Amino acid sequence: MKKRTTTRPVPQNPATSTQTVRVDYWHPTATEVCIAGTFNEWHPNVTPMVSLGSGHWCKELVLPPGRHEYRLLVDGEWVTDPAATETVPNSYGSQNGVLVVQP
């Protein structure tokens, strides 16, 4: 079963100091994918990802500058983003992905 994610910045909003970051995730059989992290106090249900069909899920996050740790919740199971360019250990023995937003 092939699973992968990508993250890429979307052009910054010049009127604010926030930046939109798009997170993409592919999972051929997932029925629900959410993203949780320091930006939403680790509440996955407030940030569901959008299904684009064919196992492709995405979410655009508007984040302030800084480092934001996150994980994915795929069909009720916590998953480390396989495409995260940076990870840090968490207190549960797994890894959190890190999104870095430049000022």
N, C-alpha and C. Protein backbone atom coordinates (compact mmCIF):
# COMPACT_ATOMS: atom_id res chain seq x y z
N MET A 1 0.86 -1.16 0.00
CA MET A 1 0.00 0.00 0.00
C MET A 1 0.91 1.24 0.00
N LYS A 2 0.79 2.08 -0.97
CA LYS A 2 1.63 3.25 -1.10
C LYS A 2 1.01 4.43 -0.36
N LYS A 3 1.81 5.04 0.52
CA LYS A 3 1.36 6.21 1.27
C LYS A 3 2.46 7.27 1.14
N ARG A 4 2.08 8.48 0.91
CA ARG A 4 3.08 9.54 0.85
C ARG A 4 2.40 10.88 1.07
N THR A 5 3.18 11.85 1.48
CA THR A 5 2.67 13.20 1.64
C THR A 5 3.68 14.17 1.06
N THR A 6 3.22 15.33 0.75
CA THR A 6 4.11 16.41 0.36
C THR A 6 3.64 17.67 1.07
N THR A 7 4.57 18.54 1.34
CA THR A 7 4.21 19.85 1.88
C THR A 7 4.88 20.88 0.99
N ARG A 8 4.17 21.94 0.74
CA ARG A 8 4.76 23.00 -0.09
C ARG A 8 4.14 24.32 0.30
N PRO A 9 4.98 25.38 0.31
CA PRO A 9 4.42 26.69 0.63
C PRO A 9 3.58 27.22 -0.51
N VAL A 10 2.56 27.94 -0.16
CA VAL A 10 1.72 28.66 -1.10
C VAL A 10 2.15 30.12 -0.96
N PRO A 11 2.06 30.97 -1.98
CA PRO A 11 2.53 32.34 -1.86
C PRO A 11 2.03 33.03 -0.58
N GLN A 12 2.96 33.75 0.05
CA GLN A 12 2.67 34.42 1.31
C GLN A 12 1.70 35.58 1.11
N ASN A 13 0.87 35.81 2.12
CA ASN A 13 -0.05 36.94 2.11
C ASN A 13 0.72 38.19 2.50
N PRO A 14 0.92 39.16 1.61
CA PRO A 14 1.72 40.34 1.92
C PRO A 14 1.09 41.25 2.97
N ALA A 15 -0.21 41.15 3.19
CA ALA A 15 -0.89 42.02 4.15
C ALA A 15 -0.73 41.55 5.59
N THR A 16 -0.29 40.31 5.78
CA THR A 16 -0.12 39.77 7.13
C THR A 16 1.22 39.07 7.22
N SER A 17 1.55 38.63 8.42
CA SER A 17 2.80 37.89 8.58
C SER A 17 2.56 36.39 8.53
N THR A 18 1.36 35.97 8.17
CA THR A 18 1.08 34.54 8.07
C THR A 18 1.43 34.02 6.68
N GLN A 19 1.55 32.71 6.61
CA GLN A 19 1.83 32.06 5.32
C GLN A 19 0.91 30.86 5.20
N THR A 20 0.44 30.59 4.01
CA THR A 20 -0.37 29.42 3.76
C THR A 20 0.54 28.28 3.33
N VAL A 21 0.40 27.15 4.03
CA VAL A 21 1.19 25.96 3.74
C VAL A 21 0.22 24.85 3.36
N ARG A 22 0.48 24.20 2.25
CA ARG A 22 -0.39 23.11 1.80
C ARG A 22 0.26 21.78 2.15
N VAL A 23 -0.51 20.90 2.79
CA VAL A 23 -0.06 19.56 3.13
C VAL A 23 -0.85 18.59 2.26
N ASP A 24 -0.15 17.75 1.52
CA ASP A 24 -0.77 16.73 0.69
C ASP A 24 -0.41 15.36 1.25
N TYR A 25 -1.36 14.45 1.18
CA TYR A 25 -1.15 13.09 1.69
C TYR A 25 -1.86 12.13 0.75
N TRP A 26 -1.20 11.00 0.44
CA TRP A 26 -1.80 9.99 -0.42
C TRP A 26 -1.91 8.68 0.35
N HIS A 27 -3.10 8.12 0.34
CA HIS A 27 -3.35 6.81 0.96
C HIS A 27 -4.51 6.19 0.19
N PRO A 28 -4.29 5.06 -0.44
CA PRO A 28 -5.29 4.52 -1.37
C PRO A 28 -6.62 4.10 -0.74
N THR A 29 -6.63 3.80 0.58
CA THR A 29 -7.86 3.30 1.19
C THR A 29 -8.39 4.16 2.33
N ALA A 30 -7.75 5.29 2.63
CA ALA A 30 -8.19 6.13 3.75
C ALA A 30 -9.59 6.67 3.51
N THR A 31 -10.38 6.70 4.56
CA THR A 31 -11.73 7.27 4.46
C THR A 31 -11.86 8.58 5.23
N GLU A 32 -10.91 8.84 6.13
CA GLU A 32 -10.90 10.10 6.87
C GLU A 32 -9.46 10.43 7.26
N VAL A 33 -9.04 11.64 6.96
CA VAL A 33 -7.70 12.09 7.32
C VAL A 33 -7.82 13.48 7.94
N CYS A 34 -7.19 13.65 9.10
CA CYS A 34 -7.17 14.95 9.78
C CYS A 34 -5.72 15.29 10.10
N ILE A 35 -5.46 16.55 10.35
CA ILE A 35 -4.13 16.98 10.74
C ILE A 35 -4.25 17.70 12.08
N ALA A 36 -3.33 17.39 12.99
CA ALA A 36 -3.34 17.99 14.32
C ALA A 36 -1.91 18.40 14.66
N GLY A 37 -1.82 19.49 15.42
CA GLY A 37 -0.49 19.93 15.80
C GLY A 37 -0.55 21.11 16.75
N THR A 38 0.59 21.72 16.90
CA THR A 38 0.70 22.86 17.81
C THR A 38 -0.17 24.02 17.35
N PHE A 39 -0.51 24.07 16.08
CA PHE A 39 -1.31 25.16 15.53
C PHE A 39 -2.80 25.03 15.84
N ASN A 40 -3.26 23.84 16.27
CA ASN A 40 -4.67 23.66 16.63
C ASN A 40 -4.84 22.94 17.97
N GLU A 41 -3.80 23.06 18.80
CA GLU A 41 -3.78 22.47 20.14
C GLU A 41 -4.01 20.96 20.10
N TRP A 42 -3.54 20.32 19.02
CA TRP A 42 -3.59 18.87 18.85
C TRP A 42 -5.01 18.32 18.80
N HIS A 43 -5.94 19.09 18.28
CA HIS A 43 -7.33 18.64 18.11
C HIS A 43 -7.55 18.29 16.63
N PRO A 44 -7.42 17.03 16.26
CA PRO A 44 -7.49 16.66 14.84
C PRO A 44 -8.84 16.92 14.20
N ASN A 45 -9.92 16.77 14.94
CA ASN A 45 -11.24 16.91 14.33
C ASN A 45 -11.57 18.33 13.90
N VAL A 46 -10.81 19.32 14.36
CA VAL A 46 -11.08 20.70 13.92
C VAL A 46 -10.36 21.01 12.62
N THR A 47 -9.47 20.10 12.16
CA THR A 47 -8.74 20.35 10.92
C THR A 47 -8.75 19.11 10.03
N PRO A 48 -9.92 18.77 9.49
CA PRO A 48 -9.96 17.63 8.57
C PRO A 48 -9.31 17.99 7.24
N MET A 49 -8.69 17.00 6.63
CA MET A 49 -8.14 17.21 5.30
C MET A 49 -9.26 16.95 4.29
N VAL A 50 -9.08 17.45 3.08
CA VAL A 50 -10.09 17.35 2.04
C VAL A 50 -9.69 16.25 1.06
N SER A 51 -10.63 15.36 0.77
CA SER A 51 -10.36 14.31 -0.20
C SER A 51 -10.50 14.88 -1.61
N LEU A 52 -9.47 14.67 -2.42
CA LEU A 52 -9.50 15.09 -3.82
C LEU A 52 -9.74 13.91 -4.74
N GLY A 53 -10.00 12.74 -4.14
CA GLY A 53 -10.25 11.53 -4.93
C GLY A 53 -8.98 10.75 -5.20
N SER A 54 -9.14 9.50 -5.52
CA SER A 54 -8.03 8.60 -5.85
C SER A 54 -6.99 8.52 -4.74
N GLY A 55 -7.43 8.64 -3.48
CA GLY A 55 -6.51 8.53 -2.35
C GLY A 55 -5.71 9.78 -2.04
N HIS A 56 -6.01 10.89 -2.70
CA HIS A 56 -5.28 12.14 -2.50
C HIS A 56 -6.05 13.02 -1.52
N TRP A 57 -5.38 13.46 -0.46
CA TRP A 57 -5.95 14.33 0.57
C TRP A 57 -5.09 15.57 0.66
N CYS A 58 -5.71 16.73 0.96
CA CYS A 58 -4.92 17.94 1.12
C CYS A 58 -5.57 18.86 2.14
N LYS A 59 -4.76 19.77 2.65
CA LYS A 59 -5.24 20.81 3.56
C LYS A 59 -4.30 21.99 3.46
N GLU A 60 -4.87 23.19 3.33
CA GLU A 60 -4.09 24.41 3.38
C GLU A 60 -4.23 25.00 4.77
N LEU A 61 -3.10 25.27 5.40
CA LEU A 61 -3.05 25.82 6.74
C LEU A 61 -2.48 27.23 6.68
N VAL A 62 -3.12 28.17 7.36
CA VAL A 62 -2.60 29.54 7.45
C VAL A 62 -1.89 29.63 8.79
N LEU A 63 -0.56 29.77 8.74
CA LEU A 63 0.26 29.69 9.95
C LEU A 63 1.13 30.93 10.12
N PRO A 64 1.37 31.34 11.36
CA PRO A 64 2.30 32.42 11.62
C PRO A 64 3.74 31.89 11.49
N PRO A 65 4.70 32.79 11.39
CA PRO A 65 6.09 32.35 11.33
C PRO A 65 6.46 31.53 12.57
N GLY A 66 7.32 30.56 12.36
CA GLY A 66 7.80 29.73 13.46
C GLY A 66 7.80 28.26 13.08
N ARG A 67 8.04 27.42 14.09
CA ARG A 67 8.07 25.97 13.92
C ARG A 67 6.78 25.39 14.45
N HIS A 68 6.15 24.56 13.65
CA HIS A 68 4.86 23.97 14.00
C HIS A 68 4.96 22.46 13.89
N GLU A 69 4.81 21.75 15.02
CA GLU A 69 4.83 20.29 15.01
C GLU A 69 3.44 19.78 14.68
N TYR A 70 3.37 18.61 14.01
CA TYR A 70 2.08 18.06 13.61
C TYR A 70 2.17 16.56 13.38
N ARG A 71 1.00 15.93 13.35
CA ARG A 71 0.84 14.52 12.96
C ARG A 71 -0.47 14.39 12.20
N LEU A 72 -0.62 13.29 11.51
CA LEU A 72 -1.85 13.00 10.78
C LEU A 72 -2.64 11.94 11.54
N LEU A 73 -3.95 12.04 11.49
CA LEU A 73 -4.84 11.02 12.04
C LEU A 73 -5.57 10.41 10.85
N VAL A 74 -5.19 9.18 10.51
CA VAL A 74 -5.72 8.49 9.33
C VAL A 74 -6.62 7.35 9.79
N ASP A 75 -7.90 7.49 9.54
CA ASP A 75 -8.88 6.48 9.96
C ASP A 75 -8.69 6.09 11.43
N GLY A 76 -8.48 7.10 12.27
CA GLY A 76 -8.36 6.88 13.72
C GLY A 76 -6.99 6.47 14.20
N GLU A 77 -6.00 6.38 13.31
CA GLU A 77 -4.66 5.96 13.69
C GLU A 77 -3.67 7.11 13.47
N TRP A 78 -2.88 7.44 14.51
CA TRP A 78 -1.88 8.50 14.39
C TRP A 78 -0.76 8.04 13.47
N VAL A 79 -0.38 8.90 12.53
CA VAL A 79 0.62 8.59 11.53
C VAL A 79 1.61 9.75 11.43
N THR A 80 2.88 9.42 11.37
CA THR A 80 3.89 10.43 11.09
C THR A 80 3.88 10.71 9.60
N ASP A 81 3.92 11.97 9.24
CA ASP A 81 3.91 12.37 7.83
C ASP A 81 5.16 11.78 7.15
N PRO A 82 4.99 10.84 6.21
CA PRO A 82 6.16 10.24 5.56
C PRO A 82 6.95 11.22 4.69
N ALA A 83 6.38 12.36 4.35
CA ALA A 83 7.08 13.33 3.51
C ALA A 83 7.63 14.50 4.31
N ALA A 84 7.52 14.46 5.63
CA ALA A 84 8.03 15.57 6.44
C ALA A 84 9.53 15.70 6.22
N THR A 85 9.98 16.92 5.93
CA THR A 85 11.40 17.13 5.70
C THR A 85 12.16 17.23 7.01
N GLU A 86 11.43 17.45 8.10
CA GLU A 86 12.04 17.48 9.42
C GLU A 86 11.08 16.82 10.40
N THR A 87 11.62 16.03 11.31
CA THR A 87 10.80 15.41 12.36
C THR A 87 11.51 15.58 13.70
N VAL A 88 10.72 15.49 14.77
CA VAL A 88 11.27 15.52 16.13
C VAL A 88 10.57 14.43 16.93
N PRO A 89 11.28 13.83 17.88
CA PRO A 89 10.64 12.80 18.70
C PRO A 89 9.55 13.41 19.58
N ASN A 90 8.50 12.63 19.84
CA ASN A 90 7.47 13.08 20.77
C ASN A 90 7.45 12.17 21.99
N SER A 91 6.64 12.50 22.98
CA SER A 91 6.63 11.75 24.23
C SER A 91 5.92 10.40 24.12
N TYR A 92 5.41 10.06 22.94
CA TYR A 92 4.73 8.79 22.74
C TYR A 92 5.61 7.76 22.02
N GLY A 93 6.88 8.09 21.81
CA GLY A 93 7.80 7.16 21.18
C GLY A 93 7.76 7.17 19.66
N SER A 94 7.11 8.16 19.08
CA SER A 94 7.07 8.29 17.62
C SER A 94 7.61 9.67 17.24
N GLN A 95 7.36 10.06 16.03
CA GLN A 95 7.90 11.31 15.51
C GLN A 95 6.78 12.27 15.11
N ASN A 96 6.99 13.55 15.36
CA ASN A 96 6.13 14.61 14.85
C ASN A 96 6.81 15.23 13.65
N GLY A 97 6.03 15.55 12.62
CA GLY A 97 6.55 16.33 11.51
C GLY A 97 6.69 17.79 11.97
N VAL A 98 7.53 18.54 11.29
CA VAL A 98 7.73 19.95 11.61
C VAL A 98 7.54 20.78 10.34
N LEU A 99 6.65 21.76 10.42
CA LEU A 99 6.48 22.76 9.36
C LEU A 99 7.19 24.02 9.82
N VAL A 100 8.08 24.54 9.02
CA VAL A 100 8.79 25.77 9.36
C VAL A 100 8.28 26.88 8.45
N VAL A 101 7.72 27.93 9.08
CA VAL A 101 7.20 29.07 8.34
C VAL A 101 8.16 30.23 8.57
N GLN A 102 8.73 30.72 7.49
CA GLN A 102 9.67 31.84 7.58
C GLN A 102 8.93 33.17 7.68
N PRO A 103 9.51 34.13 8.40
CA PRO A 103 8.86 35.46 8.48
C PRO A 103 8.93 36.20 7.16
